[in-house]
Amino acid sequence: MINFCFILFKQGFRWLA
């Protein structure tokens, strides 16, 4: 379930930007 974590991280990063 690493993909989920990776996607969530990417989404969060984009949201932060």
PDB file of N, CA and C in Angstrom:
ATOM      1  N   MET A   1       0.848  -1.219   0.000  1.00  0.00           N
ATOM      2  CA  MET A   1       0.000   0.000   0.000  1.00  0.00           C
ATOM      3  C   MET A   1       0.870   1.250   0.000  1.00  0.00           C
ATOM      4  N   ILE A   2       2.003   1.135  -0.671  1.00  0.00           N
ATOM      5  CA  ILE A   2       2.921   2.287  -0.721  1.00  0.00           C
ATOM      6  C   ILE A   2       2.388   3.314  -1.733  1.00  0.00           C
ATOM      7  N   ASN A   3       1.733   2.817  -2.751  1.00  0.00           N
ATOM      8  CA  ASN A   3       1.186   3.717  -3.779  1.00  0.00           C
ATOM      9  C   ASN A   3       0.257   4.739  -3.152  1.00  0.00           C
ATOM     10  N   PHE A   4      -0.611   4.272  -2.265  1.00  0.00           N
ATOM     11  CA  PHE A   4      -1.576   5.162  -1.608  1.00  0.00           C
ATOM     12  C   PHE A   4      -0.840   6.286  -0.883  1.00  0.00           C
ATOM     13  N   CYS A   5       0.164   5.889  -0.103  1.00  0.00           N
ATOM     14  CA  CYS A   5       0.949   6.882   0.665  1.00  0.00           C
ATOM     15  C   CYS A   5       1.604   7.863  -0.309  1.00  0.00           C
ATOM     16  N   PHE A   6       2.160   7.340  -1.370  1.00  0.00           N
ATOM     17  CA  PHE A   6       2.855   8.187  -2.349  1.00  0.00           C
ATOM     18  C   PHE A   6       1.886   9.205  -2.964  1.00  0.00           C
ATOM     19  N   ILE A   7       0.741   8.726  -3.367  1.00  0.00           N
ATOM     20  CA  ILE A   7      -0.259   9.615  -3.978  1.00  0.00           C
ATOM     21  C   ILE A   7      -0.706  10.666  -2.974  1.00  0.00           C
ATOM     22  N   LEU A   8      -0.961  10.222  -1.751  1.00  0.00           N
ATOM     23  CA  LEU A   8      -1.418  11.160  -0.721  1.00  0.00           C
ATOM     24  C   LEU A   8      -0.355  12.234  -0.496  1.00  0.00           C
ATOM     25  N   PHE A   9       0.901  11.805  -0.455  1.00  0.00           N
ATOM     26  CA  PHE A   9       2.004  12.759  -0.251  1.00  0.00           C
ATOM     27  C   PHE A   9       2.052  13.768  -1.389  1.00  0.00           C
ATOM     28  N   LYS A  10       1.926  13.273  -2.584  1.00  0.00           N
ATOM     29  CA  LYS A  10       1.977  14.154  -3.762  1.00  0.00           C
ATOM     30  C   LYS A  10       0.802  15.138  -3.724  1.00  0.00           C
ATOM     31  N   GLN A  11      -0.375  14.631  -3.384  1.00  0.00           N
ATOM     32  CA  GLN A  11      -1.557  15.498  -3.334  1.00  0.00           C
ATOM     33  C   GLN A  11      -1.348  16.593  -2.287  1.00  0.00           C
ATOM     34  N   GLY A  12      -0.863  16.179  -1.116  1.00  0.00           N
ATOM     35  CA  GLY A  12      -0.637  17.135  -0.026  1.00  0.00           C
ATOM     36  C   GLY A  12       0.368  18.198  -0.457  1.00  0.00           C
ATOM     37  N   PHE A  13       1.405  17.777  -1.153  1.00  0.00           N
ATOM     38  CA  PHE A  13       2.428  18.727  -1.591  1.00  0.00           C
ATOM     39  C   PHE A  13       1.814  19.752  -2.539  1.00  0.00           C
ATOM     40  N   ARG A  14       0.980  19.270  -3.419  1.00  0.00           N
ATOM     41  CA  ARG A  14       0.374  20.169  -4.406  1.00  0.00           C
ATOM     42  C   ARG A  14      -0.571  21.134  -3.676  1.00  0.00           C
ATOM     43  N   TRP A  15      -1.274  20.621  -2.681  1.00  0.00           N
ATOM     44  CA  TRP A  15      -2.209  21.461  -1.929  1.00  0.00           C
ATOM     45  C   TRP A  15      -1.453  22.560  -1.195  1.00  0.00           C
ATOM     46  N   LEU A  16      -0.277  22.161  -0.672  1.00  0.00           N
ATOM     47  CA  LEU A  16       0.538  23.137   0.077  1.00  0.00           C
ATOM     48  C   LEU A  16       1.007  24.254  -0.851  1.00  0.00           C
ATOM     49  N   ALA A  17       1.377  23.861  -2.058  1.00  0.00           N
ATOM     50  CA  ALA A  17       1.910  24.856  -3.001  1.00  0.00           C
ATOM     51  C   ALA A  17       0.899  25.986  -3.226  1.00  0.00           C
TER      52      ALA A  17
END
